[in-house]
């Protein structure tokens, strides 16, 4: 469901979640919608880049939330495909034991990189 922004607010927020976890998808989607934001779950890099382009073309601010443990994810390619302003705001998260993957996301310019546990507890505030 799309929510139109009011005339006195900046364009709405589109939250794009790249994740295979259905429970987390439900939690993040519910939080986004309760805050009046649009939400879209994607499972491939191609879907992600299309969603980001579509959101930007509609005047939305786009928040990408990326599960670093998603299979088949080419982090370098994805970072190269995201517009710089979207990459600076993007949230990359993964298991805290995957330190090298988390560090790679930091080095590629993802704005916020955190453990999955931190993401699970913070995602409502990330969407404000």
Foldseek 3Di string as FASTA:
>chain_A
DAAADDPVDAGAEEEEEADDDPVVLVVLCVLQVVVRHHYYYDHDLVVVLVVQVVCVVVRHHYEYEYELPRPPDDLLVSLVSDDLVNQLLYEYEYAPVVVVSQVVSVVSRRNHYYYPVVCSVCSSVSND
